[in-house]
Amino acid sequence: ALVTGHIILFFVCVGRTWLWVFDLAANQLLQERVSDGIRGRVSGVQSGNNQLFTVVIYALGLIFHRPDQFYVLCYASILSVLLSAV
């Protein structure tokens, strides 16, 4: 069980590192490809969407809080990743 915990922790750390790298790349693309006149509005909409979906995640966690309902959160996560790729 201890080895399993270390493996999970390792992959969480690796995943967080790549999430940070993706965030840096997205910010760089935003600065390079969006004109100066509308960059603030685009950044504001992006920030608003991030905050909205953070609240949705928290709400789903409050609604489906029991361990036997965890699969619902997993499916919601998978669905949101697939929909963002469209």
PDB file of N, CA and C in Angstrom:
ATOM      1  N   ALA A   1       0.819  -1.189   0.000  1.00  0.00           N
ATOM      2  CA  ALA A   1       0.000   0.000   0.000  1.00  0.00           C
ATOM      3  C   ALA A   1       0.866   1.256   0.000  1.00  0.00           C
ATOM      4  N   LEU A   2       2.011   1.200   0.667  1.00  0.00           N
ATOM      5  CA  LEU A   2       2.891   2.356   0.719  1.00  0.00           C
ATOM      6  C   LEU A   2       3.487   2.650  -0.650  1.00  0.00           C
ATOM      7  N   VAL A   3       3.835   1.592  -1.382  1.00  0.00           N
ATOM      8  CA  VAL A   3       4.385   1.773  -2.727  1.00  0.00           C
ATOM      9  C   VAL A   3       3.333   2.367  -3.650  1.00  0.00           C
ATOM     10  N   THR A   4       2.108   1.921  -3.525  1.00  0.00           N
ATOM     11  CA  THR A   4       1.027   2.451  -4.353  1.00  0.00           C
ATOM     12  C   THR A   4       0.836   3.942  -4.092  1.00  0.00           C
ATOM     13  N   GLY A   5       0.904   4.343  -2.841  1.00  0.00           N
ATOM     14  CA  GLY A   5       0.784   5.758  -2.510  1.00  0.00           C
ATOM     15  C   GLY A   5       1.897   6.587  -3.112  1.00  0.00           C
ATOM     16  N   HIS A   6       3.101   6.057  -3.089  1.00  0.00           N
ATOM     17  CA  HIS A   6       4.229   6.771  -3.686  1.00  0.00           C
ATOM     18  C   HIS A   6       4.089   6.870  -5.198  1.00  0.00           C
ATOM     19  N   ILE A   7       3.577   5.829  -5.812  1.00  0.00           N
ATOM     20  CA  ILE A   7       3.370   5.854  -7.268  1.00  0.00           C
ATOM     21  C   ILE A   7       2.332   6.904  -7.632  1.00  0.00           C
ATOM     22  N   ILE A   8       1.245   6.939  -6.901  1.00  0.00           N
ATOM     23  CA  ILE A   8       0.201   7.933  -7.165  1.00  0.00           C
ATOM     24  C   ILE A   8       0.749   9.342  -6.965  1.00  0.00           C
ATOM     25  N   LEU A   9       1.483   9.560  -5.896  1.00  0.00           N
ATOM     26  CA  LEU A   9       2.070  10.869  -5.629  1.00  0.00           C
ATOM     27  C   LEU A   9       3.024  11.284  -6.741  1.00  0.00           C
ATOM     28  N   PHE A  10       3.828  10.337  -7.226  1.00  0.00           N
ATOM     29  CA  PHE A  10       4.751  10.627  -8.315  1.00  0.00           C
ATOM     30  C   PHE A  10       3.999  11.103  -9.555  1.00  0.00           C
ATOM     31  N   PHE A  11       2.950  10.376  -9.942  1.00  0.00           N
ATOM     32  CA  PHE A  11       2.223  10.744 -11.147  1.00  0.00           C
ATOM     33  C   PHE A  11       1.420  12.030 -10.985  1.00  0.00           C
ATOM     34  N   VAL A  12       0.958  12.321  -9.792  1.00  0.00           N
ATOM     35  CA  VAL A  12       0.296  13.606  -9.546  1.00  0.00           C
ATOM     36  C   VAL A  12       1.296  14.741  -9.733  1.00  0.00           C
ATOM     37  N   CYS A  13       2.505  14.570  -9.216  1.00  0.00           N
ATOM     38  CA  CYS A  13       3.538  15.605  -9.371  1.00  0.00           C
ATOM     39  C   CYS A  13       3.919  15.786 -10.837  1.00  0.00           C
ATOM     40  N   VAL A  14       4.073  14.694 -11.566  1.00  0.00           N
ATOM     41  CA  VAL A  14       4.406  14.781 -12.991  1.00  0.00           C
ATOM     42  C   VAL A  14       3.271  15.459 -13.751  1.00  0.00           C
ATOM     43  N   GLY A  15       2.041  15.094 -13.438  1.00  0.00           N
ATOM     44  CA  GLY A  15       0.890  15.705 -14.108  1.00  0.00           C
ATOM     45  C   GLY A  15       0.798  17.200 -13.823  1.00  0.00           C
ATOM     46  N   ARG A  16       1.069  17.597 -12.597  1.00  0.00           N
ATOM     47  CA  ARG A  16       1.025  19.017 -12.247  1.00  0.00           C
ATOM     48  C   ARG A  16       2.111  19.795 -12.977  1.00  0.00           C
ATOM     49  N   THR A  17       3.272  19.173 -13.153  1.00  0.00           N
ATOM     50  CA  THR A  17       4.354  19.838 -13.885  1.00  0.00           C
ATOM     51  C   THR A  17       3.924  20.119 -15.315  1.00  0.00           C
ATOM     52  N   TRP A  18       3.327  19.136 -15.975  1.00  0.00           N
ATOM     53  CA  TRP A  18       2.893  19.348 -17.363  1.00  0.00           C
ATOM     54  C   TRP A  18       1.719  20.315 -17.443  1.00  0.00           C
ATOM     55  N   LEU A  19       0.876  20.356 -16.427  1.00  0.00           N
ATOM     56  CA  LEU A  19      -0.198  21.340 -16.385  1.00  0.00           C
ATOM     57  C   LEU A  19       0.374  22.749 -16.325  1.00  0.00           C
ATOM     58  N   TRP A  20       1.417  22.938 -15.525  1.00  0.00           N
ATOM     59  CA  TRP A  20       2.082  24.232 -15.422  1.00  0.00           C
ATOM     60  C   TRP A  20       2.725  24.615 -16.754  1.00  0.00           C
ATOM     61  N   VAL A  21       3.368  23.663 -17.426  1.00  0.00           N
ATOM     62  CA  VAL A  21       3.993  23.922 -18.728  1.00  0.00           C
ATOM     63  C   VAL A  21       2.928  24.315 -19.749  1.00  0.00           C
ATOM     64  N   PHE A  22       1.801  23.630 -19.752  1.00  0.00           N
ATOM     65  CA  PHE A  22       0.717  23.966 -20.668  1.00  0.00           C
ATOM     66  C   PHE A  22       0.196  25.372 -20.399  1.00  0.00           C
ATOM     67  N   ASP A  23       0.061  25.734 -19.139  1.00  0.00           N
ATOM     68  CA  ASP A  23      -0.411  27.064 -18.779  1.00  0.00           C
ATOM     69  C   ASP A  23       0.558  28.139 -19.272  1.00  0.00           C
ATOM     70  N   LEU A  24       1.846  27.908 -19.130  1.00  0.00           N
ATOM     71  CA  LEU A  24       2.840  28.852 -19.647  1.00  0.00           C
ATOM     72  C   LEU A  24       2.726  28.999 -21.162  1.00  0.00           C
ATOM     73  N   ALA A  25       2.561  27.887 -21.860  1.00  0.00           N
ATOM     74  CA  ALA A  25       2.453  27.928 -23.314  1.00  0.00           C
ATOM     75  C   ALA A  25       1.183  28.657 -23.752  1.00  0.00           C
ATOM     76  N   ALA A  26       0.073  28.411 -23.063  1.00  0.00           N
ATOM     77  CA  ALA A  26      -1.177  29.085 -23.413  1.00  0.00           C
ATOM     78  C   ALA A  26      -1.065  30.589 -23.202  1.00  0.00           C
ATOM     79  N   ASN A  27      -0.426  31.003 -22.110  1.00  0.00           N
ATOM     80  CA  ASN A  27      -0.236  32.439 -21.856  1.00  0.00           C
ATOM     81  C   ASN A  27       0.672  33.070 -22.901  1.00  0.00           C
ATOM     82  N   GLN A  28       1.710  32.362 -23.305  1.00  0.00           N
ATOM     83  CA  GLN A  28       2.604  32.901 -24.324  1.00  0.00           C
ATOM     84  C   GLN A  28       1.878  33.053 -25.655  1.00  0.00           C
ATOM     85  N   LEU A  29       1.079  32.052 -26.029  1.00  0.00           N
ATOM     86  CA  LEU A  29       0.312  32.160 -27.272  1.00  0.00           C
ATOM     87  C   LEU A  29      -0.684  33.309 -27.207  1.00  0.00           C
ATOM     88  N   LEU A  30      -1.300  33.502 -26.066  1.00  0.00           N
ATOM     89  CA  LEU A  30      -2.241  34.601 -25.898  1.00  0.00           C
ATOM     90  C   LEU A  30      -1.530  35.937 -26.093  1.00  0.00           C
ATOM     91  N   GLN A  31      -0.347  36.083 -25.545  1.00  0.00           N
ATOM     92  CA  GLN A  31       0.382  37.341 -25.666  1.00  0.00           C
ATOM     93  C   GLN A  31       0.905  37.571 -27.083  1.00  0.00           C
ATOM     94  N   GLU A  32       1.259  36.496 -27.769  1.00  0.00           N
ATOM     95  CA  GLU A  32       1.819  36.641 -29.110  1.00  0.00           C
ATOM     96  C   GLU A  32       0.764  36.821 -30.191  1.00  0.00           C
ATOM     97  N   ARG A  33      -0.391  36.188 -30.044  1.00  0.00           N
ATOM     98  CA  ARG A  33      -1.336  36.123 -31.158  1.00  0.00           C
ATOM     99  C   ARG A  33      -2.577  36.984 -31.013  1.00  0.00           C
ATOM    100  N   VAL A  34      -2.789  37.563 -29.845  1.00  0.00           N
ATOM    101  CA  VAL A  34      -3.960  38.419 -29.640  1.00  0.00           C
ATOM    102  C   VAL A  34      -3.472  39.858 -29.656  1.00  0.00           C
ATOM    103  N   SER A  35      -4.151  40.688 -30.441  1.00  0.00           N
ATOM    104  CA  SER A  35      -3.708  42.082 -30.562  1.00  0.00           C
ATOM    105  C   SER A  35      -3.856  42.819 -29.224  1.00  0.00           C
ATOM    106  N   ASP A  36      -3.048  43.851 -29.088  1.00  0.00           N
ATOM    107  CA  ASP A  36      -3.003  44.604 -27.832  1.00  0.00           C
ATOM    108  C   ASP A  36      -4.351  45.205 -27.461  1.00  0.00           C
ATOM    109  N   GLY A  37      -5.142  45.594 -28.449  1.00  0.00           N
ATOM    110  CA  GLY A  37      -6.402  46.274 -28.188  1.00  0.00           C
ATOM    111  C   GLY A  37      -7.444  45.413 -27.498  1.00  0.00           C
ATOM    112  N   ILE A  38      -7.408  44.111 -27.745  1.00  0.00           N
ATOM    113  CA  ILE A  38      -8.439  43.236 -27.161  1.00  0.00           C
ATOM    114  C   ILE A  38      -7.870  42.204 -26.198  1.00  0.00           C
ATOM    115  N   ARG A  39      -6.581  42.263 -25.954  1.00  0.00           N
ATOM    116  CA  ARG A  39      -5.951  41.261 -25.090  1.00  0.00           C
ATOM    117  C   ARG A  39      -6.557  41.257 -23.691  1.00  0.00           C
ATOM    118  N   GLY A  40      -6.869  42.417 -23.158  1.00  0.00           N
ATOM    119  CA  GLY A  40      -7.470  42.493 -21.830  1.00  0.00           C
ATOM    120  C   GLY A  40      -8.841  41.841 -21.780  1.00  0.00           C
ATOM    121  N   ARG A  41      -9.644  42.062 -22.813  1.00  0.00           N
ATOM    122  CA  ARG A  41     -10.974  41.447 -22.850  1.00  0.00           C
ATOM    123  C   ARG A  41     -10.888  39.930 -22.985  1.00  0.00           C
ATOM    124  N   VAL A  42      -9.978  39.470 -23.843  1.00  0.00           N
ATOM    125  CA  VAL A  42      -9.816  38.025 -24.034  1.00  0.00           C
ATOM    126  C   VAL A  42      -9.327  37.380 -22.735  1.00  0.00           C
ATOM    127  N   SER A  43      -8.377  38.019 -22.077  1.00  0.00           N
ATOM    128  CA  SER A  43      -7.879  37.498 -20.796  1.00  0.00           C
ATOM    129  C   SER A  43      -8.973  37.498 -19.737  1.00  0.00           C
ATOM    130  N   GLY A  44      -9.818  38.529 -19.752  1.00  0.00           N
ATOM    131  CA  GLY A  44     -10.923  38.593 -18.798  1.00  0.00           C
ATOM    132  C   GLY A  44     -11.935  37.484 -19.009  1.00  0.00           C
ATOM    133  N   VAL A  45     -12.255  37.213 -20.258  1.00  0.00           N
ATOM    134  CA  VAL A  45     -13.196  36.124 -20.554  1.00  0.00           C
ATOM    135  C   VAL A  45     -12.586  34.780 -20.170  1.00  0.00           C
ATOM    136  N   GLN A  46     -11.302  34.598 -20.467  1.00  0.00           N
ATOM    137  CA  GLN A  46     -10.625  33.361 -20.098  1.00  0.00           C
ATOM    138  C   GLN A  46     -10.623  33.178 -18.578  1.00  0.00           C
ATOM    139  N   SER A  47     -10.321  34.223 -17.848  1.00  0.00           N
ATOM    140  CA  SER A  47     -10.315  34.148 -16.392  1.00  0.00           C
ATOM    141  C   SER A  47     -11.712  33.873 -15.843  1.00  0.00           C
ATOM    142  N   GLY A  48     -12.715  34.524 -16.427  1.00  0.00           N
ATOM    143  CA  GLY A  48     -14.094  34.286 -16.003  1.00  0.00           C
ATOM    144  C   GLY A  48     -14.527  32.851 -16.230  1.00  0.00           C
ATOM    145  N   ASN A  49     -14.159  32.300 -17.381  1.00  0.00           N
ATOM    146  CA  ASN A  49     -14.488  30.897 -17.663  1.00  0.00           C
ATOM    147  C   ASN A  49     -13.787  29.960 -16.694  1.00  0.00           C
ATOM    148  N   ASN A  50     -12.527  30.234 -16.379  1.00  0.00           N
ATOM    149  CA  ASN A  50     -11.801  29.401 -15.415  1.00  0.00           C
ATOM    150  C   ASN A  50     -12.489  29.428 -14.052  1.00  0.00           C
ATOM    151  N   GLN A  51     -12.903  30.609 -13.613  1.00  0.00           N
ATOM    152  CA  GLN A  51     -13.563  30.722 -12.315  1.00  0.00           C
ATOM    153  C   GLN A  51     -14.936  30.045 -12.325  1.00  0.00           C
ATOM    154  N   LEU A  52     -15.657  30.176 -13.442  1.00  0.00           N
ATOM    155  CA  LEU A  52     -16.963  29.523 -13.550  1.00  0.00           C
ATOM    156  C   LEU A  52     -16.829  28.011 -13.429  1.00  0.00           C
ATOM    157  N   PHE A  53     -15.897  27.441 -14.150  1.00  0.00           N
ATOM    158  CA  PHE A  53     -15.762  25.988 -14.121  1.00  0.00           C
ATOM    159  C   PHE A  53     -15.153  25.499 -12.805  1.00  0.00           C
ATOM    160  N   THR A  54     -14.399  26.345 -12.126  1.00  0.00           N
ATOM    161  CA  THR A  54     -13.933  25.991 -10.786  1.00  0.00           C
ATOM    162  C   THR A  54     -15.121  25.882  -9.839  1.00  0.00           C
ATOM    163  N   VAL A  55     -16.058  26.807  -9.938  1.00  0.00           N
ATOM    164  CA  VAL A  55     -17.261  26.748  -9.108  1.00  0.00           C
ATOM    165  C   VAL A  55     -18.092  25.507  -9.453  1.00  0.00           C
ATOM    166  N   VAL A  56     -18.165  25.171 -10.739  1.00  0.00           N
ATOM    167  CA  VAL A  56     -18.899  23.970 -11.152  1.00  0.00           C
ATOM    168  C   VAL A  56     -18.257  22.721 -10.542  1.00  0.00           C
ATOM    169  N   ILE A  57     -16.929  22.660 -10.557  1.00  0.00           N
ATOM    170  CA  ILE A  57     -16.227  21.514  -9.964  1.00  0.00           C
ATOM    171  C   ILE A  57     -16.545  21.416  -8.475  1.00  0.00           C
ATOM    172  N   TYR A  58     -16.493  22.562  -7.780  1.00  0.00           N
ATOM    173  CA  TYR A  58     -16.794  22.558  -6.348  1.00  0.00           C
ATOM    174  C   TYR A  58     -18.237  22.141  -6.088  1.00  0.00           C
ATOM    175  N   ALA A  59     -19.156  22.625  -6.916  1.00  0.00           N
ATOM    176  CA  ALA A  59     -20.567  22.263  -6.740  1.00  0.00           C
ATOM    177  C   ALA A  59     -20.780  20.765  -6.962  1.00  0.00           C
ATOM    178  N   LEU A  60     -20.144  20.225  -7.989  1.00  0.00           N
ATOM    179  CA  LEU A  60     -20.260  18.782  -8.220  1.00  0.00           C
ATOM    180  C   LEU A  60     -19.681  17.995  -7.050  1.00  0.00           C
ATOM    181  N   GLY A  61     -18.585  18.492  -6.486  1.00  0.00           N
ATOM    182  CA  GLY A  61     -18.005  17.836  -5.318  1.00  0.00           C
ATOM    183  C   GLY A  61     -18.927  17.881  -4.107  1.00  0.00           C
ATOM    184  N   LEU A  62     -19.674  18.955  -3.967  1.00  0.00           N
ATOM    185  CA  LEU A  62     -20.636  19.041  -2.859  1.00  0.00           C
ATOM    186  C   LEU A  62     -21.842  18.139  -3.089  1.00  0.00           C
ATOM    187  N   ILE A  63     -22.279  18.045  -4.336  1.00  0.00           N
ATOM    188  CA  ILE A  63     -23.446  17.219  -4.649  1.00  0.00           C
ATOM    189  C   ILE A  63     -23.108  15.739  -4.569  1.00  0.00           C
ATOM    190  N   PHE A  64     -21.985  15.364  -5.173  1.00  0.00           N
ATOM    191  CA  PHE A  64     -21.576  13.958  -5.211  1.00  0.00           C
ATOM    192  C   PHE A  64     -20.406  13.755  -4.245  1.00  0.00           C
ATOM    193  N   HIS A  65     -20.673  13.870  -2.964  1.00  0.00           N
ATOM    194  CA  HIS A  65     -19.631  13.850  -1.950  1.00  0.00           C
ATOM    195  C   HIS A  65     -19.347  12.469  -1.372  1.00  0.00           C
ATOM    196  N   ARG A  66     -20.218  11.519  -1.598  1.00  0.00           N
ATOM    197  CA  ARG A  66     -20.002  10.187  -1.028  1.00  0.00           C
ATOM    198  C   ARG A  66     -18.986   9.408  -1.857  1.00  0.00           C
ATOM    199  N   PRO A  67     -18.181   8.577  -1.220  1.00  0.00           N
ATOM    200  CA  PRO A  67     -17.171   7.809  -1.966  1.00  0.00           C
ATOM    201  C   PRO A  67     -17.759   6.919  -3.055  1.00  0.00           C
ATOM    202  N   ASP A  68     -18.961   6.397  -2.840  1.00  0.00           N
ATOM    203  CA  ASP A  68     -19.559   5.540  -3.875  1.00  0.00           C
ATOM    204  C   ASP A  68     -20.065   6.347  -5.074  1.00  0.00           C
ATOM    205  N   GLN A  69     -20.054   7.673  -4.982  1.00  0.00           N
ATOM    206  CA  GLN A  69     -20.449   8.534  -6.095  1.00  0.00           C
ATOM    207  C   GLN A  69     -19.249   9.131  -6.826  1.00  0.00           C
ATOM    208  N   PHE A  70     -18.050   8.716  -6.451  1.00  0.00           N
ATOM    209  CA  PHE A  70     -16.849   9.294  -7.036  1.00  0.00           C
ATOM    210  C   PHE A  70     -16.771   9.070  -8.542  1.00  0.00           C
ATOM    211  N   TYR A  71     -17.356   7.981  -9.018  1.00  0.00           N
ATOM    212  CA  TYR A  71     -17.330   7.701 -10.458  1.00  0.00           C
ATOM    213  C   TYR A  71     -18.024   8.812 -11.246  1.00  0.00           C
ATOM    214  N   VAL A  72     -19.011   9.472 -10.660  1.00  0.00           N
ATOM    215  CA  VAL A  72     -19.697  10.570 -11.348  1.00  0.00           C
ATOM    216  C   VAL A  72     -18.714  11.719 -11.597  1.00  0.00           C
ATOM    217  N   LEU A  73     -17.895  12.031 -10.612  1.00  0.00           N
ATOM    218  CA  LEU A  73     -16.894  13.087 -10.771  1.00  0.00           C
ATOM    219  C   LEU A  73     -15.858  12.692 -11.823  1.00  0.00           C
ATOM    220  N   CYS A  74     -15.498  11.425 -11.840  1.00  0.00           N
ATOM    221  CA  CYS A  74     -14.537  10.958 -12.858  1.00  0.00           C
ATOM    222  C   CYS A  74     -15.124  11.100 -14.251  1.00  0.00           C
ATOM    223  N   TYR A  75     -16.362  10.678 -14.432  1.00  0.00           N
ATOM    224  CA  TYR A  75     -16.999  10.799 -15.746  1.00  0.00           C
ATOM    225  C   TYR A  75     -17.182  12.259 -16.144  1.00  0.00           C
ATOM    226  N   ALA A  76     -17.513  13.116 -15.202  1.00  0.00           N
ATOM    227  CA  ALA A  76     -17.648  14.547 -15.493  1.00  0.00           C
ATOM    228  C   ALA A  76     -16.310  15.127 -15.929  1.00  0.00           C
ATOM    229  N   SER A  77     -15.246  14.688 -15.293  1.00  0.00           N
ATOM    230  CA  SER A  77     -13.910  15.162 -15.657  1.00  0.00           C
ATOM    231  C   SER A  77     -13.533  14.702 -17.065  1.00  0.00           C
ATOM    232  N   ILE A  78     -13.753  13.445 -17.353  1.00  0.00           N
ATOM    233  CA  ILE A  78     -13.451  12.910 -18.678  1.00  0.00           C
ATOM    234  C   ILE A  78     -14.283  13.616 -19.745  1.00  0.00           C
ATOM    235  N   LEU A  79     -15.552  13.806 -19.469  1.00  0.00           N
ATOM    236  CA  LEU A  79     -16.435  14.477 -20.431  1.00  0.00           C
ATOM    237  C   LEU A  79     -15.991  15.912 -20.685  1.00  0.00           C
ATOM    238  N   SER A  80     -15.598  16.616 -19.639  1.00  0.00           N
ATOM    239  CA  SER A  80     -15.181  18.007 -19.832  1.00  0.00           C
ATOM    240  C   SER A  80     -13.889  18.088 -20.633  1.00  0.00           C
ATOM    241  N   VAL A  81     -12.974  17.166 -20.444  1.00  0.00           N
ATOM    242  CA  VAL A  81     -11.735  17.156 -21.228  1.00  0.00           C
ATOM    243  C   VAL A  81     -12.045  16.852 -22.689  1.00  0.00           C
ATOM    244  N   LEU A  82     -12.915  15.885 -22.925  1.00  0.00           N
ATOM    245  CA  LEU A  82     -13.277  15.539 -24.309  1.00  0.00           C
ATOM    246  C   LEU A  82     -14.009  16.681 -25.000  1.00  0.00           C
ATOM    247  N   LEU A  83     -14.905  17.358 -24.283  1.00  0.00           N
ATOM    248  CA  LEU A  83     -15.635  18.475 -24.883  1.00  0.00           C
ATOM    249  C   LEU A  83     -14.719  19.677 -25.160  1.00  0.00           C
ATOM    250  N   SER A  84     -13.700  19.848 -24.332  1.00  0.00           N
ATOM    251  CA  SER A  84     -12.787  20.978 -24.579  1.00  0.00           C
ATOM    252  C   SER A  84     -11.906  20.728 -25.788  1.00  0.00           C
ATOM    253  N   ALA A  85     -11.755  19.492 -26.187  1.00  0.00           N
ATOM    254  CA  ALA A  85     -10.939  19.171 -27.359  1.00  0.00           C
ATOM    255  C   ALA A  85     -11.687  19.395 -28.669  1.00  0.00           C
ATOM    256  N   VAL A  86     -12.990  19.597 -28.573  1.00  0.00           N
ATOM    257  CA  VAL A  86     -13.798  19.781 -29.797  1.00  0.00           C
ATOM    258  C   VAL A  86     -13.689  21.194 -30.314  1.00  0.00           C
TER     259      VAL A  86
END
